[in-house]
Protein backbone atom coordinates (compact mmCIF):
# COMPACT_ATOMS: atom_id res chain seq x y z
CA UNK A 1 109.22 94.36 60.90
CA UNK A 2 108.86 90.96 62.51
CA UNK A 3 111.98 88.87 62.63
CA UNK A 4 112.09 85.51 60.92
CA UNK A 5 114.11 84.02 63.76
CA UNK A 6 112.29 81.51 65.91
CA UNK A 7 112.12 82.18 69.62
CA UNK A 8 113.76 79.58 71.86
CA UNK A 9 111.60 77.34 74.00
CA UNK A 10 112.60 79.29 77.12
CA UNK A 11 113.57 82.94 77.10
CA UNK A 12 115.88 83.02 80.07
CA UNK A 13 116.11 86.79 80.39
CA UNK A 14 112.31 87.07 80.50
CA UNK A 15 112.07 84.40 83.21
CA UNK A 16 114.77 86.28 85.12
CA UNK A 17 113.01 89.61 84.64
CA UNK A 18 109.77 88.21 86.03
CA UNK A 19 111.65 86.87 89.05
CA UNK A 20 113.33 90.22 89.72
CA UNK A 21 110.01 92.04 89.34
CA UNK A 22 108.52 89.74 92.00
CA UNK A 23 111.55 90.52 94.18
CA UNK A 24 110.79 94.24 93.71
CA UNK A 25 107.15 93.60 94.64
CA UNK A 26 108.36 92.03 97.89
CA UNK A 27 110.69 94.99 98.51
CA UNK A 28 107.84 97.42 97.79
CA UNK A 29 105.51 95.68 100.23
CA UNK A 30 108.22 95.46 102.90
CA UNK A 31 108.58 99.21 102.52
CA UNK A 32 104.93 99.59 103.50
CA UNK A 33 105.84 98.49 107.03
CA UNK A 34 108.30 101.38 107.45
CA UNK A 35 106.98 104.17 105.20
CA UNK A 36 106.83 107.51 106.99
CA UNK A 37 103.81 109.24 105.39
CA UNK A 38 101.22 107.10 107.17
CA UNK A 39 99.51 106.06 103.93
CA UNK A 40 99.90 102.32 104.60
CA UNK A 41 99.40 102.14 108.36
CA UNK A 42 95.62 102.02 108.35
CA UNK A 43 95.44 98.85 106.25
CA UNK A 44 98.88 97.22 105.95
CA UNK A 45 99.56 93.93 107.69
CA UNK A 46 102.16 95.42 110.08
CA UNK A 47 102.70 99.09 110.90
CA UNK A 48 106.06 99.63 112.60
CA UNK A 49 106.39 102.99 114.41
CA UNK A 50 110.02 103.07 113.28
CA UNK A 51 109.98 104.66 109.82
CA UNK A 52 112.28 105.65 106.94
CA UNK A 53 111.49 108.77 104.91
CA UNK A 54 113.00 107.65 101.60
CA UNK A 55 111.23 104.27 101.57
CA UNK A 56 108.04 105.89 100.30
CA UNK A 57 109.93 107.63 97.48
CA UNK A 58 111.58 104.39 96.38
CA UNK A 59 108.13 102.78 96.54
CA UNK A 60 106.80 105.35 94.05
CA UNK A 61 109.35 104.15 91.48
CA UNK A 62 108.41 100.50 92.07
CA UNK A 63 104.73 101.41 91.82
CA UNK A 64 105.28 102.81 88.34
CA UNK A 65 106.82 99.76 86.73
CA UNK A 66 106.27 96.46 88.56
CA UNK A 67 102.67 95.60 87.64
CA UNK A 68 102.80 96.81 84.00
CA UNK A 69 105.91 94.67 83.51
CA UNK A 70 104.15 91.59 84.88
CA UNK A 71 101.16 92.21 82.61
CA UNK A 72 103.43 92.72 79.58
CA UNK A 73 105.25 89.43 80.23
CA UNK A 74 101.91 87.64 80.70
CA UNK A 75 100.64 89.11 77.43
CA UNK A 76 103.77 87.94 75.63
CA UNK A 77 103.16 84.38 76.82
CA UNK A 78 99.44 84.31 75.97
CA UNK A 79 99.58 83.82 72.14
CA UNK A 80 101.88 80.79 72.26
CA UNK A 81 99.76 79.23 74.99
CA UNK A 82 96.59 79.78 72.97
CA UNK A 83 98.16 78.44 69.75
CA UNK A 84 99.01 75.14 71.40
CA UNK A 85 95.59 74.62 73.00
CA UNK A 86 91.91 74.57 72.20
CA UNK A 87 89.82 77.37 73.68
CA UNK A 88 88.55 75.02 76.38
CA UNK A 89 92.05 73.83 77.26
CA UNK A 90 93.25 77.44 77.44
CA UNK A 91 90.33 78.35 79.72
CA UNK A 92 90.84 75.36 82.00
CA UNK A 93 94.57 76.03 82.14
CA UNK A 94 94.03 79.62 83.25
CA UNK A 95 91.45 78.56 85.83
CA UNK A 96 93.96 76.11 87.30
CA UNK A 97 96.86 78.53 87.08
CA UNK A 98 95.13 81.69 88.30
CA UNK A 99 91.65 81.25 89.76
CA UNK A 100 92.19 78.13 91.87
CA UNK A 101 95.30 79.52 93.63
CA UNK A 102 93.45 82.83 94.08
CA UNK A 103 90.40 81.10 95.59
CA UNK A 104 92.56 79.06 97.97
CA UNK A 105 94.54 82.17 98.94
CA UNK A 106 91.54 84.39 99.68
CA UNK A 107 89.99 81.64 101.80
CA UNK A 108 93.17 81.03 103.82
CA UNK A 109 95.63 83.92 103.53
CA UNK A 110 93.19 86.84 103.79
CA UNK A 111 91.88 85.59 107.17
CA UNK A 112 95.47 85.02 108.29
CA UNK A 113 96.29 88.56 107.17
CA UNK A 114 93.63 89.95 109.50
CA UNK A 115 94.80 87.77 112.40
CA UNK A 116 98.33 89.18 112.04
CA UNK A 117 97.00 92.71 111.45
CA UNK A 118 95.10 92.72 114.75
CA UNK A 119 97.77 90.85 116.72
CA UNK A 120 100.60 93.13 115.59
CA UNK A 121 98.63 96.16 116.81
CA UNK A 122 97.68 94.60 120.14
CA UNK A 123 94.00 94.57 119.17
CA UNK A 124 91.53 91.82 120.13
CA UNK A 125 90.53 89.27 117.53
CA UNK A 126 87.06 89.68 116.04
CA UNK A 127 84.17 87.32 115.10
CA UNK A 128 85.32 84.65 112.65
CA UNK A 129 83.01 85.70 109.82
CA UNK A 130 84.71 89.11 109.56
CA UNK A 131 87.99 87.56 108.44
CA UNK A 132 86.98 86.67 104.88
CA UNK A 133 87.54 89.01 101.96
CA UNK A 134 83.87 89.31 101.05
CA UNK A 135 83.24 90.97 104.44
CA UNK A 136 86.49 92.97 104.48
CA UNK A 137 86.32 96.54 103.14
CA UNK A 138 89.91 96.17 101.97
CA UNK A 139 88.83 93.12 99.95
CA UNK A 140 91.58 91.05 98.29
CA UNK A 141 94.60 93.25 99.04
CA UNK A 142 97.69 92.07 97.09
CA UNK A 143 95.85 89.14 95.47
CA UNK A 144 93.92 91.43 93.08
CA UNK A 145 96.47 90.72 90.33
CA UNK A 146 95.35 87.11 89.76
CA UNK A 147 91.66 87.58 88.77
CA UNK A 148 92.52 90.70 86.74
CA UNK A 149 95.13 88.72 84.80
CA UNK A 150 92.55 85.96 84.29
CA UNK A 151 90.13 88.57 82.90
CA UNK A 152 92.75 89.85 80.45
CA UNK A 153 93.46 86.32 79.24
CA UNK A 154 89.76 85.68 78.71
CA UNK A 155 89.36 88.93 76.78
CA UNK A 156 92.32 87.94 74.63
CA UNK A 157 90.81 84.48 74.08
CA UNK A 158 87.41 85.91 73.09
CA UNK A 159 88.96 88.51 70.81
CA UNK A 160 91.19 85.97 69.08
CA UNK A 161 88.41 83.43 68.54
CA UNK A 162 86.09 86.19 67.30
CA UNK A 163 88.62 87.02 64.59
CA UNK A 164 90.06 90.22 66.03
CA UNK A 165 93.78 90.52 65.34
CA UNK A 166 96.35 92.87 66.74
CA UNK A 167 97.17 95.45 64.04
CA UNK A 168 100.31 94.93 62.00
CA UNK A 169 101.99 98.22 62.85
CA UNK A 170 105.53 99.13 63.92
CA UNK A 171 106.18 98.55 67.59
CA UNK A 172 107.07 102.19 68.21
CA UNK A 173 103.76 103.31 66.70
CA UNK A 174 101.93 100.80 68.87
CA UNK A 175 103.75 102.11 71.94
CA UNK A 176 102.90 105.71 71.05
CA UNK A 177 99.25 104.80 70.48
CA UNK A 178 99.06 102.94 73.79
CA UNK A 179 100.67 105.93 75.51
CA UNK A 180 98.09 108.39 74.13
CA UNK A 181 95.08 106.13 74.76
CA UNK A 182 96.25 105.27 78.28
CA UNK A 183 96.90 108.92 79.11
CA UNK A 184 93.45 110.06 77.95
CA UNK A 185 91.79 107.16 79.77
CA UNK A 186 93.57 107.73 83.09
CA UNK A 187 92.88 111.47 83.12
CA UNK A 188 89.22 110.94 82.17
CA UNK A 189 88.65 108.30 84.84
CA UNK A 190 90.48 110.45 87.38
CA UNK A 191 88.15 113.38 86.63
CA UNK A 192 85.05 111.17 86.89
CA UNK A 193 85.93 109.07 89.96
CA UNK A 194 88.69 111.02 91.67
CA UNK A 195 92.41 110.38 91.95
CA UNK A 196 93.60 106.90 92.97
CA UNK A 197 90.11 105.43 93.13
CA UNK A 198 89.58 101.69 93.42
CA UNK A 199 86.75 99.32 92.58
CA UNK A 200 86.53 96.56 95.19
CA UNK A 201 84.34 93.50 94.64
CA UNK A 202 84.43 89.90 95.91
CA UNK A 203 86.03 88.84 92.59
CA UNK A 204 87.71 91.82 90.92
CA UNK A 205 89.71 94.58 92.58
CA UNK A 206 91.41 97.21 90.43
CA UNK A 207 92.52 100.81 90.41
CA UNK A 208 90.09 102.52 88.05
CA UNK A 209 92.66 104.82 86.42
CA UNK A 210 95.11 102.01 85.64
CA UNK A 211 92.94 99.12 84.44
CA UNK A 212 93.14 100.00 80.74
CA UNK A 213 96.84 100.88 81.09
CA UNK A 214 97.48 97.38 82.40
CA UNK A 215 95.42 95.80 79.61
CA UNK A 216 97.35 97.82 77.02
CA UNK A 217 100.59 96.52 78.55
CA UNK A 218 99.20 92.98 78.23
CA UNK A 219 98.27 93.56 74.56
CA UNK A 220 101.64 95.17 73.88
CA UNK A 221 103.30 92.00 75.19
CA UNK A 222 101.15 89.90 72.83
CA UNK A 223 102.13 92.20 69.95
CA UNK A 224 105.80 91.72 70.83
CA UNK A 225 105.27 87.97 70.49
CA UNK A 226 103.42 88.35 67.19
CA UNK A 227 106.24 90.44 65.75
CA UNK A 228 108.95 88.19 67.21
CA UNK A 229 110.82 91.23 68.49
CA UNK A 230 112.77 89.33 71.14
CA UNK A 231 114.29 86.76 68.79
CA UNK A 232 117.62 88.57 68.84
CA UNK A 233 119.44 90.76 71.32
CA UNK A 234 119.28 94.48 70.49
CA UNK A 235 122.24 95.55 68.38
CA UNK A 236 122.54 99.31 68.81
CA UNK A 237 123.43 101.13 72.02
CA UNK A 238 122.21 104.66 71.17
CA UNK A 239 118.62 104.45 72.46
CA UNK A 240 119.72 102.48 75.50
CA UNK A 241 122.25 105.17 76.42
CA UNK A 242 119.87 108.06 75.71
CA UNK A 243 116.98 106.64 77.75
CA UNK A 244 119.33 105.75 80.60
CA UNK A 245 120.40 109.40 80.58
CA UNK A 246 116.92 110.97 80.54
CA UNK A 247 114.73 108.48 82.44
CA UNK A 248 115.37 110.30 85.72
CA UNK A 249 113.47 113.35 84.42
CA UNK A 250 109.91 111.89 84.18
CA UNK A 251 110.57 109.71 87.25
CA UNK A 252 111.54 112.75 89.32
CA UNK A 253 108.60 114.75 88.00
CA UNK A 254 106.21 111.94 88.93
CA UNK A 255 107.69 111.66 92.42
CA UNK A 256 107.12 115.40 92.79
CA UNK A 257 103.53 114.98 91.53
CA UNK A 258 102.91 112.35 94.19
CA UNK A 259 104.37 114.56 96.92
CA UNK A 260 102.51 117.79 96.06
CA UNK A 261 99.42 116.92 98.20
CA UNK A 262 101.67 116.59 101.29
CA UNK A 263 102.90 120.17 100.96
CA UNK A 264 99.41 121.57 101.65
CA UNK A 265 97.15 118.68 102.77
CA UNK A 266 94.32 120.96 103.88
CA UNK A 267 94.12 123.21 100.84
CA UNK A 268 95.11 120.79 98.07
CA UNK A 269 92.45 120.11 95.41
CA UNK A 270 92.67 117.55 92.59
CA UNK A 271 92.21 119.42 89.31
CA UNK A 272 92.33 118.28 85.66
CA UNK A 273 95.68 120.06 85.33
CA UNK A 274 97.06 118.12 88.29
CA UNK A 275 95.79 114.84 86.81
CA UNK A 276 97.50 115.70 83.51
CA UNK A 277 100.72 116.42 85.43
CA UNK A 278 100.39 113.14 87.36
CA UNK A 279 99.57 110.80 84.46
CA UNK A 280 101.81 112.39 81.83
CA UNK A 281 104.80 111.96 84.15
CA UNK A 282 103.63 108.46 85.12
CA UNK A 283 103.26 107.24 81.52
CA UNK A 284 106.56 108.75 80.37
CA UNK A 285 108.36 107.23 83.36
CA UNK A 286 106.67 103.90 82.68
CA UNK A 287 107.80 103.87 79.03
CA UNK A 288 111.38 104.62 80.04
CA UNK A 289 111.48 102.05 82.82
CA UNK A 290 109.82 99.31 80.73
CA UNK A 291 112.32 99.85 77.94
CA UNK A 292 115.28 99.87 80.32
CA UNK A 293 114.14 96.77 82.22
CA UNK A 294 113.63 94.77 79.02
CA UNK A 295 116.76 96.01 77.25
CA UNK A 296 118.95 95.49 80.32
CA UNK A 297 117.80 91.93 80.88
CA UNK A 298 118.07 91.11 77.18
CA UNK A 299 121.65 92.38 77.06
CA UNK A 300 123.07 91.38 80.42
CA UNK A 301 120.85 88.87 82.25
CA UNK A 302 120.15 86.31 79.53
CA UNK A 303 121.52 83.39 81.48
CA UNK A 304 120.41 80.43 83.49
CA UNK A 305 121.77 78.21 86.23
CA UNK A 306 120.61 76.35 89.31
CA UNK A 307 119.83 79.44 91.37
CA UNK A 308 118.05 81.29 88.57
CA UNK A 309 116.03 78.17 87.71
CA UNK A 310 114.98 77.67 91.31
CA UNK A 311 114.02 81.32 91.84
CA UNK A 312 112.15 81.40 88.52
CA UNK A 313 110.11 78.32 89.40
CA UNK A 314 109.30 79.80 92.80
CA UNK A 315 108.37 83.33 91.72
CA UNK A 316 104.62 82.78 91.30
CA UNK A 317 104.28 81.08 94.68
CA UNK A 318 106.45 83.75 96.31
CA UNK A 319 104.06 86.42 95.04
CA UNK A 320 101.10 84.63 96.60
CA UNK A 321 102.54 84.05 100.08
CA UNK A 322 105.06 86.86 100.60
CA UNK A 323 102.71 89.29 102.37
CA UNK A 324 102.00 86.74 105.11
CA UNK A 325 105.75 86.28 105.53
CA UNK A 326 106.07 90.05 105.87
CA UNK A 327 103.45 89.89 108.60
CA UNK A 328 105.19 87.09 110.49
CA UNK A 329 108.70 88.57 110.42
CA UNK A 330 107.52 92.18 110.65
CA UNK A 331 105.65 91.35 113.87
CA UNK A 332 108.74 89.65 115.30
CA UNK A 333 110.80 92.77 114.52
CA UNK A 334 108.28 95.22 116.01
CA UNK A 335 109.69 95.23 119.54
CA UNK A 336 113.30 94.87 118.50
CA UNK A 337 115.17 97.96 119.69
CA UNK A 338 117.10 98.63 116.48
CA UNK A 339 116.75 101.37 113.86
CA UNK A 340 114.35 100.97 110.94
CA UNK A 341 117.39 101.11 108.63
CA UNK A 342 118.40 97.74 110.12
CA UNK A 343 114.90 96.25 110.28
CA UNK A 344 114.11 97.08 106.65
CA UNK A 345 116.81 94.93 104.98
CA UNK A 346 116.42 92.19 107.60
CA UNK A 347 112.67 91.97 106.94
CA UNK A 348 113.22 91.93 103.18
CA UNK A 349 115.86 89.19 103.25
CA UNK A 350 113.90 87.08 105.76
CA UNK A 351 110.66 87.43 103.78
CA UNK A 352 112.15 86.64 100.40
CA UNK A 353 114.29 83.75 101.65
CA UNK A 354 111.51 82.17 103.72
CA UNK A 355 108.99 82.52 100.90
CA UNK A 356 111.34 80.77 98.47
CA UNK A 357 112.13 78.01 100.95
CA UNK A 358 108.44 77.37 101.59
CA UNK A 359 107.61 77.30 97.88
CA UNK A 360 110.57 75.03 97.10
CA UNK A 361 109.58 72.71 99.91
CA UNK A 362 105.99 72.60 98.65
CA UNK A 363 107.11 71.85 95.08
CA UNK A 364 109.43 69.08 96.24
CA UNK A 365 106.70 67.57 98.38
CA UNK A 366 104.21 67.58 95.51
CA UNK A 367 106.83 66.07 93.20
CA UNK A 368 107.61 63.31 95.72
CA UNK A 369 103.91 62.49 96.21
CA UNK A 370 103.32 62.32 92.45
CA UNK A 371 106.37 60.10 91.99
CA UNK A 372 105.18 57.70 94.68
CA UNK A 373 101.70 57.54 93.16
CA UNK A 374 103.07 56.88 89.67
CA UNK A 375 105.62 54.30 90.81
CA UNK A 376 104.74 50.85 89.42
CA UNK A 377 103.79 48.26 91.99
CA UNK A 378 106.40 45.51 92.34
CA UNK A 379 105.14 42.13 91.18
CA UNK A 380 105.72 39.16 93.48
CA UNK A 381 108.55 36.88 92.44
CA UNK A 382 107.22 33.50 91.27
């Protein structure tokens, strides 16, 4: 049942959750510099020969939850944004918020990514026209999230204006339905295209097996808004305690599913049974982690303050620029004769701090310029 309580203008715990998810994205991408399996080295901005075995395992956990959480939060915010705007205003707002920063980033940051990639490996720079994402086989890299989120918002806009409404069903039933649909979709796409297959285009990049899962997370967020489920903090502790106690089971199973190919890399074959093992563990782990992230922040991180406000305002910009900061500081740390266990936290702290400082500086500069332009011109004294 939807609550009759009205949501506050700002939901502090949700802002804080989004900020922490971005922090985990940074930590996940920093781990790519030091992961030991060699899965990142061929494409990642910096590949340090000093590695840490457990970094890849921690990265598997981040990989399960970070992007679905961002899509769920974005879906939660979409209905209110659409209610307060015309269709055209909503479209223009999303173009300004998502597509324009994406376009600027792929024109500037993707070429810079390749410069750092080659420099950090001691390779010669290449002809200038090879630095743009439309000529790069790796395409948009970490920026793929922005145009995919724009697509989801446009699908939501079209569906809403066409009269399609999210079904009025209990949230648990909606979650179960999304789980079943997502599981069938991921396994089917995995059988057709192969495990962990990507579609790379000049505009849209996405992992084929996860695209619908992400869209379902977006729609689930919109349903949460429609049913006003976050108007009050959760009262009972039973489910929170139970899921905290059992979440390690599907997470561990999924980690094992990801590691199986490394046990016999020559003889391993992707089968439908393996895909079922992979995606069933993934979806169960995702449900547990999503619930725990949301419930934990609702209960214990529903606060604000100067630091939270500053980090929350910066989080979007930090997402856009953090990989370049990883490249800069990761390259500086390459020849430093210290263990990877020291480099890893240093690179993370330096990347996250520098990214926030740059974004804060940019925001303050823009604010100062706007203030000076809007300042009334002093009239001469008669």
